[in-house]
Amino acid sequence: MTRHYLNKRAFAQRLGITEGALGTLNMPEPDVIVGEGPRATRGWSVKTIDEWNAKRRGSGNWSGKDAPKARK
């Protein structure tokens, strides 16, 4: 069975952000690395991306003491 992974561009598209914005985030470890050296391609499964996105702080994911104060 062939497994499919998303590269950085597809990762960003799945989240609805640019690759540049994705680069500012603390991304999860890749599930696979294809090739060697600085030109190696990293890949993430959809499951890895979705689980990471559900846990990261961001729009709609604030909770507890780190939550922004409501404006009055």
Protein backbone atom coordinates (compact mmCIF):
# COMPACT_ATOMS: atom_id res chain seq x y z
CA MET A 1 0.00 0.00 0.00
CA THR A 2 1.33 3.41 -0.96
CA ARG A 3 1.44 5.98 1.84
CA HIS A 4 0.95 9.66 1.09
CA TYR A 5 2.62 12.50 2.95
CA LEU A 6 2.26 16.26 2.64
CA ASN A 7 5.27 18.48 2.00
CA LYS A 8 5.64 21.92 3.59
CA ARG A 9 3.59 23.64 0.87
CA ALA A 10 0.69 21.18 1.23
CA PHE A 11 0.99 21.37 5.05
CA ALA A 12 0.50 25.15 4.88
CA GLN A 13 -2.38 24.83 2.40
CA ARG A 14 -4.13 22.36 4.72
CA LEU A 15 -3.99 24.96 7.50
CA GLY A 16 -4.98 27.82 5.21
CA ILE A 17 -1.76 29.77 5.79
CA THR A 18 1.33 30.66 3.74
CA GLU A 19 4.56 28.68 3.80
CA GLY A 20 6.22 31.74 5.35
CA ALA A 21 3.71 31.78 8.21
CA LEU A 22 4.18 28.06 8.69
CA GLY A 23 7.91 28.64 9.05
CA THR A 24 7.28 30.81 12.12
CA LEU A 25 5.51 27.97 13.94
CA ASN A 26 7.06 25.18 15.98
CA MET A 27 6.17 22.41 13.53
CA PRO A 28 5.97 18.74 14.55
CA GLU A 29 8.75 16.34 13.64
CA PRO A 30 8.23 14.99 10.12
CA ASP A 31 6.91 11.46 9.68
CA VAL A 32 9.30 10.85 6.79
CA ILE A 33 12.40 12.41 5.22
CA VAL A 34 13.10 11.72 1.55
CA GLY A 35 16.68 12.24 0.42
CA GLU A 36 19.67 13.49 2.33
CA GLY A 37 21.31 16.75 3.23
CA PRO A 38 19.88 20.26 3.07
CA ARG A 39 17.69 19.46 0.04
CA ALA A 40 15.92 16.54 1.71
CA THR A 41 12.14 16.74 1.61
CA ARG A 42 10.20 16.41 4.85
CA GLY A 43 6.74 14.88 4.86
CA TRP A 44 3.86 14.75 7.34
CA SER A 45 0.78 12.58 7.40
CA VAL A 46 -2.63 14.23 7.46
CA LYS A 47 -3.18 12.65 10.89
CA THR A 48 0.04 14.19 12.27
CA ILE A 49 -0.89 17.63 10.90
CA ASP A 50 -4.46 17.54 12.20
CA GLU A 51 -3.44 16.33 15.68
CA TRP A 52 -0.70 18.96 15.92
CA ASN A 53 -3.04 21.71 14.71
CA ALA A 54 -5.72 20.76 17.24
CA LYS A 55 -3.20 21.07 20.09
CA ARG A 56 -1.35 24.23 19.09
CA ARG A 57 -2.13 27.60 20.56
CA GLY A 58 -3.64 29.88 18.03
CA SER A 59 -6.88 31.36 16.85
CA GLY A 60 -9.59 29.52 18.75
CA ASN A 61 -7.16 27.33 20.71
CA TRP A 62 -6.53 29.56 23.75
CA SER A 63 -7.32 28.22 27.18
CA GLY A 64 -6.44 28.62 30.82
CA LYS A 65 -4.06 31.24 32.16
CA ASP A 66 -2.66 32.03 28.69
CA ALA A 67 -6.05 33.06 27.34
CA PRO A 68 -6.25 36.70 26.24
CA LYS A 69 -8.31 39.01 28.43
CA ALA A 70 -11.76 39.93 27.14
CA ARG A 71 -12.07 43.54 26.01
CA LYS A 72 -14.66 45.67 27.74
